[in-house]
Each structure stands twice: as C-alpha cells, then as structure tokens.
Amino acid sequence: MTTPSFPVPPMSTLGSSGFKLSKEHLVVAVPVAVFAAAGGFLVGQYLSRRGCKKGQVNSSISKDSPKVVHSFDMEDIGTKAVYCRCWKSKKFPYCDGAHTKHNEETGDNVGPLIVKKRDA
C-alpha cells in the first residue's frame, strides 16, 4: 500500500461507532450546523406567524364543557344585544369591549356580533 503524498491531519474518534473527524472539520462543521439550526428555527417562526394559527381561541370560558353553546330566544333580547366574538369578555357571551385591547395587541380586527330588532 502506498502512502499519500499530501499531509493527513490526525483523526479523533467520536463515540464508539468508529466515525472519525479531524479537529479542523469540527471547527467548520459545528458553526455551520448551529447557523443552519438557528436559521431554520427563525424561518419556521416567520412562516408560522404568516399562516393559520392553530392555537385555541377560547382560553378561559367553560373549559370543562366539550363545546361552548349559548342559546337565546329573540323575544328575550329586547331591542338590541351585543355578543362577544373574541372570547376575551369578562361578561361572556356578552361583549364588554375586550376586543379593543385584543386587536391592539395582536393586530386582529375582530368585533362584536350585534343583534337588533328592525324598526317597524
């Protein structure tokens, strides 16, 4: 077997698998891997903010119930009722204006559902 005519750097063993890398390779590979991981994380964060958010909308109302449902008879409403659609109201299912703060914090544009009787 012939010996190579170029210098071969000393090899260090990583683990017991027999896989060997020189220190020079590690000096290059580690920063590249860290940069790639950080870049992938940042791109993932950016894309997840642009797309559909899959988090829960309701964070506190009737969490012990499998589905939150409120039913009202039209006769009981009176002339006007204002219902919450942002799930932040302390008077839920009625609106207390909490969507204003929610919209300022998130850039959302949610508002209440207003139900009123038509003037006769």
Foldseek 3Di string as FASTA:
>chain_A
DDDDPDDDADWDDDPPPRDIDHVVVVVPVVVVVVVVVVVVVVVVVVVQLVDDPPDDQADDPPPVDPDDDDDDDPVVQPFKFKADDRNPAPPPRGDPPVVVVVCVVSVDDDGIDMDGDDDD
